[in-house]
Amino acid sequence: MNRIMVIGQPAAGKSTFARALGARTGLPVVHIDQIYWMPGWTERPRAQAIAMVEEAQAREQWIFEGNNTSTWPGRVARADLIIWLDLPVWQRYWRLARRIAGSYGRTRPDMAPDCPERISLEFIIYIWRTRQTWRRKAAALFAAEPSAAQRVHLRSQAEMDAYLEGWR
């Protein structure tokens, strides 16, 4: 296993899961939020971000966590394993609240520099509005052929923990 793609809706635990998997496998972790955001919550120009994604996914080894569905095809084509973290929306809201409470005003390790955790009503609404449409996109990705990547669909924190334990 050299290239692992971790997807999931916002606040599903992608970054935390990818870091834990990286610690177990020794594979370098690529956080898409570090590519798409520049300091101060400034969005990177699209062409530059796509070029950075393409450079990262061309590497021989990675755990690539994050979404941006427009760049999925290149990662899917190279991935040995695709892991879908598929937690219910209520649990993701709970995780988001914990994340904000624990990191508010500080930059998380999976973010670009100077992007401190903040509360955003727009983000909270986005999670709700996309809960079904995003899930359909992930399901389609999982069903897609001809990708030879193995697929793992984890639906709870207990399943995520058990899966990580299997890498010890």
N, C-alpha and C. Protein backbone atom coordinates (compact mmCIF):
# COMPACT_ATOMS: atom_id res chain seq x y z
N MET A 1 0.84 -1.18 0.00
CA MET A 1 0.00 0.00 0.00
C MET A 1 0.88 1.24 0.00
N ASN A 2 0.89 1.98 -1.09
CA ASN A 2 1.71 3.18 -1.20
C ASN A 2 0.92 4.48 -1.26
N ARG A 3 -0.33 4.39 -1.76
CA ARG A 3 -1.13 5.61 -1.92
C ARG A 3 -2.54 5.35 -1.41
N ILE A 4 -2.90 6.13 -0.39
CA ILE A 4 -4.20 5.97 0.27
C ILE A 4 -4.95 7.29 0.20
N MET A 5 -6.17 7.23 -0.26
CA MET A 5 -7.03 8.40 -0.37
C MET A 5 -8.08 8.33 0.74
N VAL A 6 -8.18 9.39 1.53
CA VAL A 6 -9.17 9.45 2.62
C VAL A 6 -10.16 10.56 2.29
N ILE A 7 -11.43 10.18 2.16
CA ILE A 7 -12.47 11.15 1.86
C ILE A 7 -13.53 11.11 2.95
N GLY A 8 -14.34 12.12 3.00
CA GLY A 8 -15.44 12.19 3.95
C GLY A 8 -15.96 13.60 4.01
N GLN A 9 -17.17 13.74 4.46
CA GLN A 9 -17.78 15.05 4.56
C GLN A 9 -17.09 15.88 5.63
N PRO A 10 -17.35 17.19 5.64
CA PRO A 10 -16.72 18.04 6.66
C PRO A 10 -16.96 17.53 8.07
N ALA A 11 -15.90 17.57 8.87
CA ALA A 11 -15.91 17.17 10.29
C ALA A 11 -16.11 15.67 10.49
N ALA A 12 -15.81 14.88 9.47
CA ALA A 12 -15.89 13.43 9.61
C ALA A 12 -14.65 12.86 10.30
N GLY A 13 -13.60 13.65 10.41
CA GLY A 13 -12.38 13.19 11.06
C GLY A 13 -11.29 12.80 10.08
N LYS A 14 -11.34 13.29 8.86
CA LYS A 14 -10.36 12.92 7.83
C LYS A 14 -8.93 13.23 8.24
N SER A 15 -8.70 14.44 8.72
CA SER A 15 -7.33 14.85 9.06
C SER A 15 -6.77 14.04 10.20
N THR A 16 -7.55 13.88 11.25
CA THR A 16 -7.11 13.10 12.42
C THR A 16 -6.86 11.65 12.02
N PHE A 17 -7.78 11.08 11.25
CA PHE A 17 -7.65 9.70 10.80
C PHE A 17 -6.39 9.54 9.93
N ALA A 18 -6.19 10.46 8.99
CA ALA A 18 -5.03 10.38 8.09
C ALA A 18 -3.72 10.49 8.87
N ARG A 19 -3.67 11.39 9.85
CA ARG A 19 -2.44 11.50 10.67
C ARG A 19 -2.18 10.21 11.42
N ALA A 20 -3.22 9.62 12.00
CA ALA A 20 -3.05 8.36 12.73
C ALA A 20 -2.62 7.24 11.79
N LEU A 21 -3.20 7.19 10.61
CA LEU A 21 -2.81 6.17 9.62
C LEU A 21 -1.39 6.40 9.14
N GLY A 22 -1.02 7.66 8.96
CA GLY A 22 0.34 7.98 8.56
C GLY A 22 1.36 7.54 9.61
N ALA A 23 1.02 7.72 10.88
CA ALA A 23 1.92 7.30 11.96
C ALA A 23 2.09 5.78 11.96
N ARG A 24 1.05 5.06 11.58
CA ARG A 24 1.12 3.59 11.58
C ARG A 24 1.81 3.04 10.34
N THR A 25 1.66 3.71 9.21
CA THR A 25 2.20 3.18 7.94
C THR A 25 3.54 3.80 7.56
N GLY A 26 3.85 4.96 8.10
CA GLY A 26 5.05 5.68 7.69
C GLY A 26 4.86 6.46 6.40
N LEU A 27 3.66 6.47 5.85
CA LEU A 27 3.40 7.20 4.62
C LEU A 27 3.21 8.69 4.92
N PRO A 28 3.71 9.57 4.05
CA PRO A 28 3.52 11.01 4.27
C PRO A 28 2.06 11.39 4.04
N VAL A 29 1.57 12.31 4.86
CA VAL A 29 0.18 12.76 4.76
C VAL A 29 0.13 14.10 4.04
N VAL A 30 -0.77 14.19 3.07
CA VAL A 30 -1.03 15.42 2.34
C VAL A 30 -2.43 15.89 2.74
N HIS A 31 -2.51 17.12 3.27
CA HIS A 31 -3.80 17.70 3.67
C HIS A 31 -4.23 18.68 2.59
N ILE A 32 -5.37 18.43 1.97
CA ILE A 32 -5.82 19.30 0.89
C ILE A 32 -6.07 20.73 1.37
N ASP A 33 -6.45 20.90 2.63
CA ASP A 33 -6.67 22.26 3.14
C ASP A 33 -5.39 23.09 3.14
N GLN A 34 -4.24 22.44 3.27
CA GLN A 34 -2.97 23.17 3.22
C GLN A 34 -2.64 23.60 1.79
N ILE A 35 -3.25 22.93 0.83
CA ILE A 35 -3.06 23.30 -0.57
C ILE A 35 -4.03 24.41 -0.96
N TYR A 36 -5.28 24.26 -0.58
CA TYR A 36 -6.31 25.19 -1.05
C TYR A 36 -6.37 26.50 -0.28
N TRP A 37 -5.79 26.55 0.92
CA TRP A 37 -5.81 27.79 1.69
C TRP A 37 -4.41 28.35 1.82
N MET A 38 -4.32 29.64 1.75
CA MET A 38 -3.07 30.36 2.03
C MET A 38 -3.27 31.07 3.36
N PRO A 39 -2.20 31.63 3.93
CA PRO A 39 -2.34 32.31 5.22
C PRO A 39 -3.48 33.33 5.23
N GLY A 40 -4.13 33.38 6.39
CA GLY A 40 -5.21 34.35 6.57
C GLY A 40 -6.52 33.95 5.91
N TRP A 41 -6.73 32.66 5.69
CA TRP A 41 -7.95 32.15 5.07
C TRP A 41 -8.15 32.73 3.66
N THR A 42 -7.05 32.95 2.95
CA THR A 42 -7.12 33.41 1.57
C THR A 42 -7.10 32.18 0.67
N GLU A 43 -8.08 32.08 -0.21
CA GLU A 43 -8.13 30.94 -1.11
C GLU A 43 -7.04 31.05 -2.17
N ARG A 44 -6.31 29.96 -2.35
CA ARG A 44 -5.24 29.93 -3.36
C ARG A 44 -5.88 29.99 -4.75
N PRO A 45 -5.25 30.66 -5.70
CA PRO A 45 -5.78 30.65 -7.07
C PRO A 45 -5.97 29.22 -7.57
N ARG A 46 -7.10 28.97 -8.21
CA ARG A 46 -7.49 27.61 -8.60
C ARG A 46 -6.42 26.89 -9.42
N ALA A 47 -5.86 27.54 -10.41
CA ALA A 47 -4.85 26.89 -11.26
C ALA A 47 -3.63 26.48 -10.44
N GLN A 48 -3.22 27.31 -9.52
CA GLN A 48 -2.08 27.01 -8.66
C GLN A 48 -2.41 25.84 -7.73
N ALA A 49 -3.60 25.83 -7.16
CA ALA A 49 -4.00 24.75 -6.27
C ALA A 49 -4.05 23.41 -7.01
N ILE A 50 -4.62 23.42 -8.20
CA ILE A 50 -4.70 22.19 -8.99
C ILE A 50 -3.31 21.69 -9.34
N ALA A 51 -2.41 22.58 -9.69
CA ALA A 51 -1.03 22.18 -9.98
C ALA A 51 -0.37 21.55 -8.75
N MET A 52 -0.64 22.11 -7.58
CA MET A 52 -0.07 21.55 -6.34
C MET A 52 -0.67 20.17 -6.04
N VAL A 53 -1.97 20.00 -6.28
CA VAL A 53 -2.61 18.69 -6.09
C VAL A 53 -1.98 17.68 -7.03
N GLU A 54 -1.83 18.06 -8.29
CA GLU A 54 -1.26 17.14 -9.29
C GLU A 54 0.17 16.76 -8.94
N GLU A 55 0.95 17.71 -8.44
CA GLU A 55 2.33 17.40 -8.03
C GLU A 55 2.31 16.43 -6.86
N ALA A 56 1.46 16.65 -5.89
CA ALA A 56 1.41 15.78 -4.71
C ALA A 56 0.93 14.38 -5.08
N GLN A 57 -0.09 14.28 -5.92
CA GLN A 57 -0.62 12.96 -6.24
C GLN A 57 0.30 12.18 -7.18
N ALA A 58 1.26 12.85 -7.82
CA ALA A 58 2.23 12.16 -8.69
C ALA A 58 3.32 11.47 -7.88
N ARG A 59 3.43 11.78 -6.60
CA ARG A 59 4.47 11.16 -5.76
C ARG A 59 4.20 9.66 -5.62
N GLU A 60 5.23 8.95 -5.26
CA GLU A 60 5.13 7.49 -5.14
C GLU A 60 4.37 7.05 -3.89
N GLN A 61 4.41 7.85 -2.84
CA GLN A 61 3.75 7.46 -1.60
C GLN A 61 2.99 8.64 -1.03
N TRP A 62 1.77 8.37 -0.53
CA TRP A 62 1.01 9.40 0.15
C TRP A 62 -0.23 8.84 0.81
N ILE A 63 -0.67 9.58 1.79
CA ILE A 63 -2.04 9.48 2.29
C ILE A 63 -2.60 10.86 1.99
N PHE A 64 -3.55 10.93 1.09
CA PHE A 64 -4.10 12.21 0.64
C PHE A 64 -5.48 12.35 1.26
N GLU A 65 -5.61 13.29 2.19
CA GLU A 65 -6.90 13.47 2.84
C GLU A 65 -7.54 14.77 2.41
N GLY A 66 -8.81 14.69 2.17
CA GLY A 66 -9.56 15.86 1.80
C GLY A 66 -10.42 15.60 0.58
N ASN A 67 -11.22 16.56 0.28
CA ASN A 67 -12.22 16.34 -0.75
C ASN A 67 -11.88 17.06 -2.04
N ASN A 68 -12.46 18.18 -2.27
CA ASN A 68 -12.38 18.86 -3.55
C ASN A 68 -12.59 17.85 -4.67
N THR A 69 -13.84 17.54 -4.90
CA THR A 69 -14.20 16.46 -5.81
C THR A 69 -13.70 16.68 -7.23
N SER A 70 -13.41 17.93 -7.62
CA SER A 70 -12.91 18.16 -8.98
C SER A 70 -11.53 17.55 -9.20
N THR A 71 -10.79 17.30 -8.12
CA THR A 71 -9.45 16.72 -8.27
C THR A 71 -9.43 15.23 -7.88
N TRP A 72 -10.59 14.65 -7.62
CA TRP A 72 -10.64 13.23 -7.27
C TRP A 72 -10.10 12.32 -8.37
N PRO A 73 -10.44 12.52 -9.64
CA PRO A 73 -10.05 11.54 -10.66
C PRO A 73 -8.55 11.20 -10.67
N GLY A 74 -7.70 12.19 -10.54
CA GLY A 74 -6.26 11.92 -10.55
C GLY A 74 -5.81 11.09 -9.37
N ARG A 75 -6.38 11.37 -8.19
CA ARG A 75 -6.03 10.58 -7.01
C ARG A 75 -6.58 9.16 -7.12
N VAL A 76 -7.84 9.06 -7.56
CA VAL A 76 -8.46 7.74 -7.70
C VAL A 76 -7.64 6.87 -8.65
N ALA A 77 -7.17 7.46 -9.74
CA ALA A 77 -6.40 6.71 -10.73
C ALA A 77 -5.11 6.14 -10.15
N ARG A 78 -4.55 6.80 -9.13
CA ARG A 78 -3.27 6.35 -8.57
C ARG A 78 -3.41 5.63 -7.22
N ALA A 79 -4.55 5.74 -6.60
CA ALA A 79 -4.72 5.20 -5.24
C ALA A 79 -4.73 3.67 -5.23
N ASP A 80 -4.09 3.13 -4.18
CA ASP A 80 -4.17 1.69 -3.92
C ASP A 80 -5.37 1.39 -3.03
N LEU A 81 -5.77 2.38 -2.24
CA LEU A 81 -6.83 2.22 -1.26
C LEU A 81 -7.59 3.53 -1.14
N ILE A 82 -8.92 3.45 -1.12
CA ILE A 82 -9.77 4.61 -0.88
C ILE A 82 -10.56 4.33 0.39
N ILE A 83 -10.45 5.22 1.36
CA ILE A 83 -11.17 5.08 2.62
C ILE A 83 -12.20 6.20 2.71
N TRP A 84 -13.46 5.81 2.88
CA TRP A 84 -14.56 6.76 2.99
C TRP A 84 -15.03 6.80 4.44
N LEU A 85 -14.85 7.94 5.09
CA LEU A 85 -15.36 8.14 6.45
C LEU A 85 -16.76 8.73 6.30
N ASP A 86 -17.75 7.95 6.67
CA ASP A 86 -19.15 8.27 6.38
C ASP A 86 -19.96 8.33 7.67
N LEU A 87 -19.72 9.37 8.44
CA LEU A 87 -20.41 9.53 9.73
C LEU A 87 -21.71 10.30 9.55
N PRO A 88 -22.70 10.02 10.41
CA PRO A 88 -23.97 10.76 10.31
C PRO A 88 -23.77 12.24 10.62
N VAL A 89 -24.66 13.07 10.06
CA VAL A 89 -24.52 14.51 10.18
C VAL A 89 -24.53 14.97 11.64
N TRP A 90 -25.34 14.36 12.50
CA TRP A 90 -25.36 14.79 13.90
C TRP A 90 -24.01 14.57 14.56
N GLN A 91 -23.35 13.48 14.20
CA GLN A 91 -22.04 13.19 14.79
C GLN A 91 -20.98 14.16 14.25
N ARG A 92 -21.10 14.53 12.99
CA ARG A 92 -20.16 15.49 12.43
C ARG A 92 -20.35 16.88 13.05
N TYR A 93 -21.59 17.26 13.34
CA TYR A 93 -21.81 18.53 14.04
C TYR A 93 -21.20 18.49 15.44
N TRP A 94 -21.34 17.37 16.11
CA TRP A 94 -20.74 17.22 17.44
C TRP A 94 -19.23 17.34 17.36
N ARG A 95 -18.64 16.68 16.37
CA ARG A 95 -17.19 16.75 16.19
C ARG A 95 -16.75 18.17 15.86
N LEU A 96 -17.52 18.87 15.05
CA LEU A 96 -17.20 20.25 14.71
C LEU A 96 -17.23 21.13 15.96
N ALA A 97 -18.25 20.96 16.79
CA ALA A 97 -18.34 21.74 18.02
C ALA A 97 -17.14 21.47 18.92
N ARG A 98 -16.76 20.21 19.04
CA ARG A 98 -15.56 19.86 19.85
C ARG A 98 -14.31 20.47 19.26
N ARG A 99 -14.20 20.41 17.94
CA ARG A 99 -13.02 20.96 17.26
C ARG A 99 -12.93 22.47 17.50
N ILE A 100 -14.04 23.17 17.35
CA ILE A 100 -14.04 24.61 17.56
C ILE A 100 -13.70 24.93 19.01
N ALA A 101 -14.30 24.20 19.94
CA ALA A 101 -14.04 24.45 21.36
C ALA A 101 -12.58 24.20 21.72
N GLY A 102 -11.98 23.20 21.11
CA GLY A 102 -10.61 22.84 21.45
C GLY A 102 -9.55 23.62 20.70
N SER A 103 -9.91 24.20 19.55
CA SER A 103 -8.90 24.84 18.70
C SER A 103 -9.20 26.29 18.36
N TYR A 104 -10.29 26.83 18.89
CA TYR A 104 -10.70 28.17 18.49
C TYR A 104 -9.54 29.17 18.65
N GLY A 105 -9.31 29.92 17.57
CA GLY A 105 -8.26 30.93 17.58
C GLY A 105 -6.86 30.40 17.30
N ARG A 106 -6.71 29.08 17.19
CA ARG A 106 -5.40 28.48 16.89
C ARG A 106 -5.48 27.77 15.54
N THR A 107 -4.35 27.69 14.87
CA THR A 107 -4.30 27.00 13.58
C THR A 107 -4.03 25.52 13.81
N ARG A 108 -4.91 24.68 13.27
CA ARG A 108 -4.75 23.22 13.38
C ARG A 108 -3.59 22.77 12.49
N PRO A 109 -2.98 21.62 12.81
CA PRO A 109 -1.83 21.16 12.02
C PRO A 109 -2.16 20.81 10.57
N ASP A 110 -3.42 20.59 10.26
CA ASP A 110 -3.80 20.23 8.90
C ASP A 110 -4.19 21.45 8.07
N MET A 111 -4.08 22.64 8.63
CA MET A 111 -4.44 23.87 7.92
C MET A 111 -3.19 24.65 7.49
N ALA A 112 -3.41 25.57 6.58
CA ALA A 112 -2.33 26.48 6.17
C ALA A 112 -1.98 27.39 7.34
N PRO A 113 -0.77 27.94 7.36
CA PRO A 113 -0.38 28.85 8.44
C PRO A 113 -1.35 30.04 8.54
N ASP A 114 -1.52 30.52 9.74
CA ASP A 114 -2.34 31.70 10.01
C ASP A 114 -3.79 31.53 9.53
N CYS A 115 -4.32 30.33 9.70
CA CYS A 115 -5.75 30.06 9.44
C CYS A 115 -6.35 29.53 10.74
N PRO A 116 -6.54 30.42 11.71
CA PRO A 116 -7.03 29.97 13.01
C PRO A 116 -8.46 29.44 12.93
N GLU A 117 -8.75 28.48 13.78
CA GLU A 117 -10.10 27.90 13.87
C GLU A 117 -11.07 29.01 14.20
N ARG A 118 -12.23 28.94 13.56
CA ARG A 118 -13.24 29.98 13.76
C ARG A 118 -14.62 29.35 13.66
N ILE A 119 -15.62 30.12 14.06
CA ILE A 119 -17.01 29.69 13.92
C ILE A 119 -17.56 30.35 12.67
N SER A 120 -18.21 29.57 11.82
CA SER A 120 -18.75 30.11 10.59
C SER A 120 -20.14 29.53 10.36
N LEU A 121 -21.14 30.39 10.43
CA LEU A 121 -22.51 29.96 10.15
C LEU A 121 -22.61 29.40 8.73
N GLU A 122 -21.89 30.01 7.81
CA GLU A 122 -21.89 29.55 6.42
C GLU A 122 -21.42 28.09 6.33
N PHE A 123 -20.38 27.73 7.09
CA PHE A 123 -19.86 26.37 7.08
C PHE A 123 -20.87 25.40 7.71
N ILE A 124 -21.50 25.82 8.79
CA ILE A 124 -22.50 24.98 9.46
C ILE A 124 -23.66 24.70 8.50
N ILE A 125 -24.10 25.71 7.78
CA ILE A 125 -25.18 25.54 6.80
C ILE A 125 -24.72 24.65 5.65
N TYR A 126 -23.47 24.85 5.20
CA TYR A 126 -22.92 24.03 4.11
C TYR A 126 -22.95 22.54 4.48
N ILE A 127 -22.58 22.22 5.69
CA ILE A 127 -22.61 20.82 6.14
C ILE A 127 -24.02 20.25 6.00
N TRP A 128 -25.01 21.03 6.40
CA TRP A 128 -26.40 20.56 6.32
C TRP A 128 -26.87 20.45 4.87
N ARG A 129 -26.61 21.49 4.09
CA ARG A 129 -27.10 21.52 2.71
C ARG A 129 -26.51 20.43 1.84
N THR A 130 -25.27 20.05 2.10
CA THR A 130 -24.59 19.07 1.22
C THR A 130 -24.60 17.65 1.79
N ARG A 131 -25.31 17.43 2.87
CA ARG A 131 -25.24 16.12 3.53
C ARG A 131 -25.67 14.98 2.60
N GLN A 132 -26.62 15.21 1.72
CA GLN A 132 -27.09 14.14 0.83
C GLN A 132 -26.37 14.19 -0.53
N THR A 133 -26.20 15.37 -1.08
CA THR A 133 -25.55 15.45 -2.40
C THR A 133 -24.10 15.00 -2.33
N TRP A 134 -23.38 15.39 -1.29
CA TRP A 134 -21.99 14.96 -1.16
C TRP A 134 -21.92 13.46 -0.97
N ARG A 135 -22.83 12.92 -0.17
CA ARG A 135 -22.83 11.47 0.07
C ARG A 135 -23.06 10.71 -1.24
N ARG A 136 -23.92 11.21 -2.10
CA ARG A 136 -24.15 10.57 -3.40
C ARG A 136 -22.86 10.59 -4.24
N LYS A 137 -22.12 11.70 -4.19
CA LYS A 137 -20.84 11.78 -4.94
C LYS A 137 -19.86 10.73 -4.42
N ALA A 138 -19.77 10.59 -3.12
CA ALA A 138 -18.86 9.59 -2.55
C ALA A 138 -19.29 8.18 -2.92
N ALA A 139 -20.59 7.92 -2.88
CA ALA A 139 -21.09 6.60 -3.25
C ALA A 139 -20.79 6.29 -4.71
N ALA A 140 -20.93 7.29 -5.57
CA ALA A 140 -20.62 7.10 -7.00
C ALA A 140 -19.13 6.82 -7.18
N LEU A 141 -18.29 7.53 -6.44
CA LEU A 141 -16.85 7.28 -6.51
C LEU A 141 -16.55 5.85 -6.09
N PHE A 142 -17.19 5.40 -5.05
CA PHE A 142 -16.95 4.04 -4.56
C PHE A 142 -17.39 2.98 -5.55
N ALA A 143 -18.44 3.27 -6.29
CA ALA A 143 -18.97 2.30 -7.25
C ALA A 143 -18.25 2.37 -8.59
N ALA A 144 -17.48 3.44 -8.82
CA ALA A 144 -16.86 3.69 -10.12
C ALA A 144 -15.83 2.62 -10.48
N GLU A 145 -15.79 2.34 -11.72
CA GLU A 145 -14.77 1.50 -12.31
C GLU A 145 -14.07 2.36 -13.35
N PRO A 146 -12.88 2.08 -13.76
CA PRO A 146 -12.14 0.85 -13.58
C PRO A 146 -11.12 0.89 -12.45
N SER A 147 -11.21 1.84 -11.54
CA SER A 147 -10.21 1.93 -10.48
C SER A 147 -10.00 0.57 -9.81
N ALA A 148 -8.75 0.21 -9.69
CA ALA A 148 -8.41 -1.06 -9.05
C ALA A 148 -8.19 -0.88 -7.55
N ALA A 149 -8.39 0.31 -7.06
CA ALA A 149 -8.15 0.59 -5.64
C ALA A 149 -9.10 -0.21 -4.76
N GLN A 150 -8.55 -0.72 -3.66
CA GLN A 150 -9.40 -1.32 -2.64
C GLN A 150 -10.23 -0.21 -2.04
N ARG A 151 -11.38 -0.58 -1.51
CA ARG A 151 -12.27 0.42 -0.91
C ARG A 151 -12.68 -0.02 0.48
N VAL A 152 -12.64 0.94 1.40
CA VAL A 152 -13.07 0.70 2.79
C VAL A 152 -14.05 1.80 3.15
N HIS A 153 -15.23 1.40 3.62
CA HIS A 153 -16.30 2.33 3.97
C HIS A 153 -16.52 2.23 5.48
N LEU A 154 -16.12 3.28 6.21
CA LEU A 154 -16.22 3.30 7.66
C LEU A 154 -17.34 4.24 8.08
N ARG A 155 -18.28 3.73 8.89
CA ARG A 155 -19.50 4.48 9.20
C ARG A 155 -19.62 4.95 10.65
N SER A 156 -18.60 4.73 11.46
CA SER A 156 -18.67 5.15 12.86
C SER A 156 -17.25 5.33 13.40
N GLN A 157 -17.16 6.02 14.53
CA GLN A 157 -15.85 6.17 15.17
C GLN A 157 -15.31 4.82 15.60
N ALA A 158 -16.19 3.93 16.05
CA ALA A 158 -15.75 2.59 16.45
C ALA A 158 -15.13 1.84 15.27
N GLU A 159 -15.74 1.95 14.09
CA GLU A 159 -15.18 1.30 12.90
C GLU A 159 -13.84 1.93 12.51
N MET A 160 -13.75 3.26 12.65
CA MET A 160 -12.49 3.95 12.34
C MET A 160 -11.39 3.48 13.29
N ASP A 161 -11.70 3.42 14.58
CA ASP A 161 -10.72 2.97 15.57
C ASP A 161 -10.28 1.53 15.31
N ALA A 162 -11.24 0.67 15.02
CA ALA A 162 -10.91 -0.75 14.76
C ALA A 162 -10.04 -0.87 13.51
N TYR A 163 -10.35 -0.10 12.49
CA TYR A 163 -9.57 -0.16 11.27
C TYR A 163 -8.12 0.28 11.53
N LEU A 164 -7.96 1.36 12.26
CA LEU A 164 -6.61 1.84 12.58
C LEU A 164 -5.86 0.81 13.42
N GLU A 165 -6.53 0.15 14.34
CA GLU A 165 -5.89 -0.89 15.15
C GLU A 165 -5.33 -2.00 14.28
N GLY A 166 -6.02 -2.30 13.17
CA GLY A 166 -5.55 -3.33 12.26
C GLY A 166 -4.22 -3.02 11.59
N TRP A 167 -3.79 -1.77 11.63
CA TRP A 167 -2.53 -1.36 11.03
C TRP A 167 -1.37 -1.47 11.99
N ARG A 168 -1.62 -1.84 13.23
CA ARG A 168 -0.52 -1.95 14.20
C ARG A 168 0.35 -3.14 13.89
